[in-house]
Amino acid sequence: MDTLMHRIKELAAQAYPEVVAIRRDLHAHPELSFEENRTAAKVCEYLDKWGISYQKGVAKTGVVALLEGRNPNKKIIALRADMDALPIQETNEVDYKSVNEGIMHACGHDAHTASVLGTAYILSQLKDSFEGTVKFIFQPSEEKLPGGASVMIADGVLENPKPSAIYGQHVYPDLPAGKVGFRPGMYMASCDEIYVTVKGKGGHGALPHCNIDPVLISAQMLVALQQIVSRHADPRIPTVLSFGKVIANGATNIIPNEVYLEGTFRTLNEEWRHRAHQLMVELAEGLTKSMGGSVDFRIEKGYPFLTNDPALTSRAMAAAKAFLGNDNVIDLDVRMTAEDFSWYTQLLPACFYRLGTSSPDGQYKSSVHTPNFNIDENALQTGMGLMAWLAVDELGS
């Protein structure tokens, strides 16, 4: 295996210039969820170049490729990359700045796609050196509910052939390039979207007794809803309820008829998640009725929580330490952000890990989902090489 590891590192270094070029091309031409037509065509172009068979049009714009080693039915694993961008105007002044107005790869999906393509190249050069089959999943729409992962699963991505495990990696500006992070067990939260319309009776602000004030009702409701988290949630279960949009649209002396709110609910327990939904609706309806108003309280259920299979993740951490060195593999904390890779983790053993993308000198530390997010591209060599090594290590276990 030492010889194979060395060969993977050589191939990653060899592929690095082309993978950087792929990433920059994708970065310059970002596409929103389920609109990744050019991106998918580029993926297919490189798979054709390297002689890797694939199926396109899965979940609208997804691509699924298969690479068989020796004894292809012995074991099958999957490697996933997401392809969509975000509705953000890029402010980076780089040669590969987005040419699509108001659209940007601000979450690193260009790096994910380029890195997994690099992994596909490496493994295509080594298919006589490992047993089993690798399934590459180039997935659309990670950023938009219900998540492209759920649509790909419905389209049969986890069948014919059925993988025994799946891996995904995600950029992480909190770590420098060359380092990666893992967490066995529960890692990321479920994510639900909340849309609320509080209805009252508007009128003159100087005559509150003639009105039913939806602004006051909304204020009371926002405070009361937080008590569901503080007084109903088991304190051992991470739970977040946040509202980021409140629109009253009245004036200094005008009480509006309605107030509109949007928020998010996140947790790491499916039973509590379901119960919390019931409690929020019951509280909102009861409180608004007691104050003379009414409410339309809609919860759009999103991604489930993400859990990393302990045994698979432990093997991956050991393999990463062998490939990168102990000091370059860190333990991660629980995060209340969400990822639609969680759909896969609910159905088969999975490992979702983080790829460091900042520079040792402090560059590229801007958070994801910001207009100046960018990466130290040295991370691409780590990303494709490590994923190739994780694949052959797991196929040989």
Protein backbone atom coordinates (compact mmCIF):
# COMPACT_ATOMS: atom_id res chain seq x y z
CA MET A 1 0.00 0.00 0.00
CA ASP A 2 2.94 2.35 0.54
CA THR A 3 3.80 2.10 -3.15
CA LEU A 4 0.17 2.82 -4.07
CA MET A 5 0.07 5.81 -1.74
CA HIS A 6 3.22 7.21 -3.30
CA ARG A 7 1.75 6.72 -6.78
CA ILE A 8 -1.47 8.55 -5.79
CA LYS A 9 0.59 11.49 -4.53
CA GLU A 10 2.54 11.55 -7.81
CA LEU A 11 -0.65 11.52 -9.87
CA ALA A 12 -2.23 14.26 -7.72
CA ALA A 13 0.80 16.46 -8.33
CA GLN A 14 0.69 15.64 -12.05
CA ALA A 15 -3.05 16.43 -12.30
CA TYR A 16 -2.86 19.59 -10.20
CA PRO A 17 -2.42 22.19 -13.01
CA GLU A 18 -5.33 20.77 -14.99
CA VAL A 19 -7.57 20.52 -11.92
CA VAL A 20 -6.80 24.15 -11.04
CA ALA A 21 -7.81 25.10 -14.59
CA ILE A 22 -11.03 23.11 -14.25
CA ARG A 23 -11.85 24.80 -10.95
CA ARG A 24 -11.21 28.27 -12.37
CA ASP A 25 -13.36 27.56 -15.42
CA LEU A 26 -16.22 26.38 -13.23
CA HIS A 27 -15.75 29.34 -10.90
CA ALA A 28 -16.01 31.77 -13.81
CA HIS A 29 -19.22 30.13 -15.06
CA PRO A 30 -21.35 29.39 -11.96
CA GLU A 31 -24.89 28.06 -12.30
CA LEU A 32 -27.78 27.99 -9.82
CA SER A 33 -29.53 24.89 -8.49
CA PHE A 34 -30.89 22.53 -11.15
CA GLU A 35 -29.47 24.84 -13.85
CA GLU A 36 -25.97 23.29 -13.90
CA ASN A 37 -26.07 22.40 -17.60
CA ARG A 38 -22.68 23.82 -18.57
CA THR A 39 -21.09 22.43 -15.42
CA ALA A 40 -22.47 18.95 -16.10
CA ALA A 41 -21.27 19.15 -19.72
CA LYS A 42 -17.76 20.01 -18.48
CA VAL A 43 -17.84 17.04 -16.10
CA CYS A 44 -18.83 14.75 -18.98
CA GLU A 45 -16.11 16.25 -21.19
CA TYR A 46 -13.38 15.22 -18.75
CA LEU A 47 -14.91 11.82 -18.01
CA ASP A 48 -14.89 11.17 -21.77
CA LYS A 49 -11.28 12.30 -21.96
CA TRP A 50 -10.26 9.81 -19.27
CA GLY A 51 -12.41 6.94 -20.57
CA ILE A 52 -14.77 6.79 -17.59
CA SER A 53 -18.34 5.68 -18.33
CA TYR A 54 -21.21 7.79 -17.02
CA GLN A 55 -24.91 8.54 -17.09
CA LYS A 56 -26.06 12.13 -17.44
CA GLY A 57 -29.44 13.75 -16.76
CA VAL A 58 -29.83 12.14 -13.33
CA ALA A 59 -32.00 14.43 -11.19
CA LYS A 60 -32.18 16.82 -14.16
CA THR A 61 -28.54 17.94 -14.36
CA GLY A 62 -26.65 15.34 -12.31
CA VAL A 63 -23.96 13.00 -13.64
CA VAL A 64 -23.13 9.55 -12.25
CA ALA A 65 -19.92 7.81 -13.34
CA LEU A 66 -18.59 4.30 -12.70
CA LEU A 67 -14.98 3.21 -12.60
CA GLU A 68 -14.32 -0.50 -12.24
CA GLY A 69 -11.17 -1.96 -10.80
CA ARG A 70 -10.33 -5.64 -10.55
CA ASN A 71 -13.24 -7.81 -9.31
CA PRO A 72 -15.70 -4.90 -9.75
CA ASN A 73 -18.51 -6.54 -7.77
CA LYS A 74 -16.40 -7.22 -4.71
CA LYS A 75 -17.12 -3.84 -3.10
CA ILE A 76 -18.65 -0.58 -4.29
CA ILE A 77 -18.16 2.87 -2.77
CA ALA A 78 -19.45 6.29 -3.80
CA LEU A 79 -17.75 9.69 -3.90
CA ARG A 80 -19.95 12.79 -4.11
CA ALA A 81 -19.39 16.34 -5.37
CA ASP A 82 -22.04 19.10 -5.49
CA MET A 83 -22.09 21.47 -8.48
CA ASP A 84 -24.43 24.43 -7.88
CA ALA A 85 -23.58 28.04 -7.04
CA LEU A 86 -25.31 30.78 -5.03
CA PRO A 87 -27.21 33.98 -5.92
CA ILE A 88 -24.36 36.27 -4.76
CA GLN A 89 -22.52 38.99 -6.68
CA GLU A 90 -18.80 38.23 -6.54
CA THR A 91 -16.42 40.99 -5.36
CA ASN A 92 -13.13 39.11 -5.86
CA GLU A 93 -10.91 40.74 -8.48
CA VAL A 94 -9.36 37.64 -10.05
CA ASP A 95 -8.90 36.48 -13.63
CA TYR A 96 -11.51 33.78 -13.09
CA LYS A 97 -14.15 36.05 -11.50
CA SER A 98 -17.74 35.02 -12.23
CA VAL A 99 -19.01 36.24 -15.59
CA ASN A 100 -22.62 35.47 -14.61
CA GLU A 101 -24.21 38.52 -13.00
CA GLY A 102 -25.42 37.89 -9.46
CA ILE A 103 -24.21 34.27 -9.35
CA MET A 104 -21.08 33.03 -7.60
CA HIS A 105 -19.40 29.88 -6.35
CA ALA A 106 -19.37 31.21 -2.80
CA CYS A 107 -19.53 27.79 -1.13
CA GLY A 108 -16.70 26.02 -2.92
CA HIS A 109 -18.75 23.66 -5.06
CA ASP A 110 -16.45 24.48 -7.97
CA ALA A 111 -13.58 23.14 -5.86
CA HIS A 112 -15.60 20.07 -4.87
CA THR A 113 -16.38 19.21 -8.49
CA ALA A 114 -12.83 19.86 -9.72
CA SER A 115 -11.34 17.87 -6.85
CA VAL A 116 -13.54 14.82 -7.42
CA LEU A 117 -12.78 15.00 -11.14
CA GLY A 118 -9.12 14.92 -10.15
CA THR A 119 -9.83 11.88 -8.00
CA ALA A 120 -11.54 10.22 -10.97
CA TYR A 121 -8.44 10.85 -13.10
CA ILE A 122 -6.10 9.43 -10.46
CA LEU A 123 -8.17 6.28 -9.98
CA SER A 124 -8.58 5.82 -13.75
CA GLN A 125 -4.78 5.50 -13.91
CA LEU A 126 -4.81 2.93 -11.10
CA LYS A 127 -7.79 0.72 -11.96
CA ASP A 128 -5.57 -2.34 -12.19
CA SER A 129 -4.23 -1.63 -8.68
CA PHE A 130 -7.46 -1.85 -6.67
CA GLU A 131 -10.48 -4.13 -6.42
CA GLY A 132 -14.12 -3.09 -6.55
CA THR A 133 -15.96 -0.18 -8.14
CA VAL A 134 -16.03 3.55 -7.49
CA LYS A 135 -19.24 5.47 -8.21
CA PHE A 136 -18.77 9.20 -8.74
CA ILE A 137 -21.83 11.32 -7.97
CA PHE A 138 -21.81 14.84 -9.44
CA GLN A 139 -24.90 16.26 -7.79
CA PRO A 140 -27.01 19.33 -8.55
CA SER A 141 -28.80 21.65 -6.14
CA GLU A 142 -27.20 21.23 -2.74
CA GLU A 143 -28.22 24.80 -1.90
CA LYS A 144 -31.96 24.56 -2.52
CA LEU A 145 -34.64 22.53 -0.74
CA PRO A 146 -35.41 19.67 -0.90
CA GLY A 147 -31.76 19.20 -1.92
CA GLY A 148 -30.46 17.53 -5.05
CA ALA A 149 -29.30 14.55 -3.00
CA SER A 150 -32.90 13.59 -2.25
CA VAL A 151 -33.83 13.89 -5.93
CA MET A 152 -30.82 11.80 -6.99
CA ILE A 153 -31.74 9.16 -4.43
CA ALA A 154 -35.29 9.11 -5.82
CA ASP A 155 -33.75 8.65 -9.29
CA GLY A 156 -31.88 5.56 -8.06
CA VAL A 157 -28.35 6.89 -7.55
CA LEU A 158 -27.79 4.48 -4.66
CA GLU A 159 -28.81 1.44 -6.75
CA ASN A 160 -27.43 -0.48 -9.72
CA PRO A 161 -24.84 -0.85 -8.30
CA LYS A 162 -25.55 -0.17 -4.65
CA PRO A 163 -22.59 1.31 -2.75
CA SER A 164 -21.68 0.09 0.71
CA ALA A 165 -20.34 3.50 1.74
CA ILE A 166 -20.25 7.11 0.55
CA TYR A 167 -17.77 9.96 1.07
CA GLY A 168 -18.10 13.71 0.66
CA GLN A 169 -15.73 16.59 1.33
CA HIS A 170 -16.40 20.29 1.83
CA VAL A 171 -14.19 23.37 1.80
CA TYR A 172 -13.36 24.77 5.24
CA PRO A 173 -11.67 28.20 5.47
CA ASP A 174 -11.08 27.72 9.22
CA LEU A 175 -8.28 25.28 8.32
CA PRO A 176 -5.23 25.95 6.12
CA ALA A 177 -4.73 24.03 2.90
CA GLY A 178 -3.09 20.69 3.56
CA LYS A 179 -5.21 19.96 6.63
CA VAL A 180 -8.52 18.11 6.93
CA GLY A 181 -11.07 17.58 9.69
CA PHE A 182 -13.33 14.67 10.67
CA ARG A 183 -16.06 13.99 13.22
CA PRO A 184 -17.57 10.53 13.80
CA GLY A 185 -21.27 10.42 14.69
CA MET A 186 -23.66 13.38 14.62
CA TYR A 187 -22.02 16.32 12.90
CA MET A 188 -24.44 18.76 11.22
CA ALA A 189 -28.00 19.85 11.95
CA SER A 190 -31.29 19.33 10.21
CA CYS A 191 -32.59 22.45 8.50
CA ASP A 192 -36.21 23.59 8.25
CA GLU A 193 -37.50 26.87 6.83
CA ILE A 194 -40.29 28.77 8.59
CA TYR A 195 -42.68 31.15 6.81
CA VAL A 196 -45.19 33.07 8.96
CA THR A 197 -47.91 35.61 8.25
CA VAL A 198 -49.46 37.22 11.34
CA LYS A 199 -52.83 38.80 10.54
CA GLY A 200 -54.54 41.55 12.47
CA LYS A 201 -56.47 44.72 11.72
CA GLY A 202 -54.50 47.77 10.69
CA GLY A 203 -55.24 51.40 11.27
CA HIS A 204 -53.99 54.65 12.73
CA GLY A 205 -51.16 54.29 15.23
CA ALA A 206 -52.84 56.86 17.49
CA LEU A 207 -55.93 54.67 17.79
CA PRO A 208 -54.58 51.29 18.93
CA HIS A 209 -57.87 50.40 20.63
CA CYS A 210 -59.53 50.34 17.21
CA ASN A 211 -56.98 47.93 15.76
CA ILE A 212 -55.59 44.42 16.23
CA ASP A 213 -51.86 45.08 16.11
CA PRO A 214 -49.99 42.31 14.23
CA VAL A 215 -46.65 43.97 15.05
CA LEU A 216 -47.23 43.56 18.79
CA ILE A 217 -48.53 40.02 18.25
CA SER A 218 -45.43 39.16 16.21
CA ALA A 219 -43.12 40.56 18.89
CA GLN A 220 -44.82 38.48 21.56
CA MET A 221 -44.73 35.42 19.34
CA LEU A 222 -41.01 35.78 18.57
CA VAL A 223 -40.18 35.90 22.28
CA ALA A 224 -42.54 33.06 23.17
CA LEU A 225 -41.20 30.78 20.42
CA GLN A 226 -37.71 30.97 21.94
CA GLN A 227 -39.11 29.35 25.07
CA ILE A 228 -39.70 26.19 23.05
CA VAL A 229 -35.94 25.95 22.70
CA SER A 230 -35.11 26.98 26.28
CA ARG A 231 -37.89 25.09 28.09
CA HIS A 232 -38.98 22.17 25.88
CA ALA A 233 -35.77 21.00 24.21
CA ASP A 234 -33.60 18.51 26.05
CA PRO A 235 -30.50 20.64 26.82
CA ARG A 236 -28.34 17.75 25.58
CA ILE A 237 -29.80 18.13 22.08
CA PRO A 238 -28.35 21.09 20.12
CA THR A 239 -31.26 23.25 18.93
CA VAL A 240 -31.42 26.61 17.14
CA LEU A 241 -34.45 28.74 16.24
CA SER A 242 -33.67 32.01 14.43
CA PHE A 243 -35.75 34.52 12.52
CA GLY A 244 -33.89 36.64 9.98
CA LYS A 245 -36.72 38.44 8.22
CA VAL A 246 -39.53 40.51 9.76
CA ILE A 247 -41.59 42.78 7.48
CA ALA A 248 -44.34 44.95 8.98
CA ASN A 249 -44.43 47.57 6.20
CA GLY A 250 -46.40 50.10 8.16
CA ALA A 251 -45.18 53.57 9.14
CA THR A 252 -44.61 55.73 12.22
CA ASN A 253 -48.36 56.20 12.60
CA ILE A 254 -49.70 53.28 10.58
CA ILE A 255 -50.37 49.83 12.03
CA PRO A 256 -50.34 47.32 9.13
CA ASN A 257 -52.83 44.53 8.56
CA GLU A 258 -50.14 41.86 8.42
CA VAL A 259 -46.59 41.09 9.47
CA TYR A 260 -44.47 38.59 7.54
CA LEU A 261 -41.63 36.60 9.10
CA GLU A 262 -39.08 34.03 7.92
CA GLY A 263 -36.82 31.85 10.04
CA THR A 264 -34.98 28.58 10.42
CA PHE A 265 -35.17 25.70 12.88
CA ARG A 266 -32.24 23.31 13.32
CA THR A 267 -31.50 20.37 15.57
CA LEU A 268 -29.76 17.00 15.74
CA ASN A 269 -32.62 14.73 16.77
CA GLU A 270 -35.44 13.70 14.43
CA GLU A 271 -38.01 12.92 17.15
CA TRP A 272 -37.48 16.28 18.83
CA ARG A 273 -37.54 17.96 15.43
CA HIS A 274 -41.05 16.61 14.73
CA ARG A 275 -42.28 17.52 18.23
CA ALA A 276 -40.84 21.03 18.01
CA HIS A 277 -42.73 21.64 14.76
CA GLN A 278 -46.00 20.78 16.52
CA LEU A 279 -45.18 22.98 19.51
CA MET A 280 -44.32 25.99 17.34
CA VAL A 281 -47.56 25.80 15.38
CA GLU A 282 -49.66 25.28 18.52
CA LEU A 283 -48.00 28.18 20.33
CA ALA A 284 -48.28 30.57 17.38
CA GLU A 285 -51.93 29.77 16.76
CA GLY A 286 -52.87 29.96 20.43
CA LEU A 287 -51.03 33.21 21.12
CA THR A 288 -52.32 35.06 18.07
CA LYS A 289 -55.88 33.94 18.76
CA SER A 290 -55.64 35.12 22.39
CA MET A 291 -54.63 38.57 21.10
CA GLY A 292 -57.44 38.74 18.55
CA GLY A 293 -55.45 37.91 15.44
CA SER A 294 -54.68 34.84 13.35
CA VAL A 295 -51.60 33.26 11.84
CA ASP A 296 -50.49 31.23 8.87
CA PHE A 297 -47.49 29.30 10.25
CA ARG A 298 -45.84 27.15 7.58
CA ILE A 299 -42.79 24.95 8.12
CA GLU A 300 -41.01 23.69 5.02
CA LYS A 301 -39.15 20.57 6.10
CA GLY A 302 -35.63 20.50 4.78
CA TYR A 303 -32.56 18.31 5.20
CA PRO A 304 -32.29 15.77 8.03
CA PHE A 305 -29.32 15.88 10.41
CA LEU A 306 -25.99 14.62 9.10
CA THR A 307 -24.41 11.69 10.88
CA ASN A 308 -21.04 10.16 10.05
CA ASP A 309 -20.79 6.41 10.45
CA PRO A 310 -18.38 5.92 13.39
CA ALA A 311 -16.56 2.88 11.98
CA LEU A 312 -16.21 4.25 8.44
CA THR A 313 -15.11 7.66 9.72
CA SER A 314 -12.57 6.15 12.09
CA ARG A 315 -11.05 4.20 9.20
CA ALA A 316 -11.04 7.36 7.08
CA MET A 317 -9.28 9.33 9.83
CA ALA A 318 -6.62 6.65 10.16
CA ALA A 319 -6.14 6.60 6.39
CA ALA A 320 -5.93 10.41 6.28
CA LYS A 321 -3.27 10.43 9.01
CA ALA A 322 -1.25 7.89 7.05
CA PHE A 323 -1.58 9.98 3.87
CA LEU A 324 -1.16 13.50 5.30
CA GLY A 325 0.50 12.99 8.67
CA ASN A 326 -1.07 13.08 12.15
CA ASP A 327 -0.68 16.85 12.56
CA ASN A 328 -2.75 17.53 9.45
CA VAL A 329 -5.87 15.67 10.59
CA ILE A 330 -8.02 17.37 13.24
CA ASP A 331 -11.18 16.59 15.21
CA LEU A 332 -14.21 18.72 14.34
CA ASP A 333 -16.96 20.06 16.60
CA VAL A 334 -20.70 19.76 15.96
CA ARG A 335 -22.02 22.40 13.54
CA MET A 336 -25.54 23.80 13.31
CA THR A 337 -25.15 24.48 9.61
CA ALA A 338 -26.81 21.98 7.27
CA GLU A 339 -25.85 19.95 4.20
CA ASP A 340 -27.99 17.85 1.90
CA PHE A 341 -25.31 15.13 1.98
CA SER A 342 -27.30 14.24 5.11
CA TRP A 343 -29.85 12.45 2.91
CA TYR A 344 -27.17 9.90 2.01
CA THR A 345 -26.07 9.51 5.64
CA GLN A 346 -29.58 8.41 6.62
CA LEU A 347 -29.44 5.49 4.18
CA LEU A 348 -25.90 4.05 4.19
CA PRO A 349 -22.59 4.38 6.04
CA ALA A 350 -21.19 7.81 5.21
CA CYS A 351 -18.21 10.04 5.93
CA PHE A 352 -18.44 13.79 5.36
CA TYR A 353 -15.22 15.61 6.15
CA ARG A 354 -13.69 19.08 5.81
CA LEU A 355 -10.94 20.23 3.47
CA GLY A 356 -8.80 23.16 4.64
CA THR A 357 -8.76 25.99 2.10
CA SER A 358 -7.12 29.04 3.74
CA SER A 359 -3.45 29.94 3.33
CA PRO A 360 -0.83 29.66 6.07
CA ASP A 361 -0.25 33.42 5.69
CA GLY A 362 -3.88 34.14 6.61
CA GLN A 363 -5.33 34.62 3.14
CA TYR A 364 -8.61 33.09 1.97
CA LYS A 365 -10.23 33.07 5.41
CA SER A 366 -13.50 34.67 4.29
CA SER A 367 -16.48 32.55 5.23
CA VAL A 368 -18.50 30.60 2.71
CA HIS A 369 -21.63 32.36 1.39
CA THR A 370 -19.82 35.70 1.26
CA PRO A 371 -19.03 37.70 -1.92
CA ASN A 372 -15.27 37.53 -1.43
CA PHE A 373 -14.95 33.82 -0.63
CA ASN A 374 -12.02 32.14 -2.37
CA ILE A 375 -9.60 29.29 -1.71
CA ASP A 376 -5.91 28.52 -1.61
CA GLU A 377 -5.84 26.21 -4.63
CA ASN A 378 -3.16 24.02 -3.04
CA ALA A 379 -6.17 22.49 -1.28
CA LEU A 380 -7.17 20.86 -4.57
CA GLN A 381 -4.08 18.65 -4.58
CA THR A 382 -4.83 17.55 -1.02
CA GLY A 383 -8.50 17.05 -1.84
CA MET A 384 -8.14 14.85 -4.90
CA GLY A 385 -5.21 12.87 -3.54
CA LEU A 386 -6.79 12.17 -0.17
CA MET A 387 -10.13 11.15 -1.66
CA ALA A 388 -8.39 8.74 -4.03
CA TRP A 389 -6.47 7.27 -1.11
CA LEU A 390 -9.63 6.94 1.03
CA ALA A 391 -11.31 5.12 -1.84
CA VAL A 392 -8.60 2.52 -2.42
CA ASP A 393 -8.05 2.10 1.32
CA GLU A 394 -11.75 1.36 1.91
CA LEU A 395 -12.04 -0.90 -1.13
CA GLY A 396 -9.12 -2.91 0.22
CA SER A 397 -10.49 -3.19 3.79
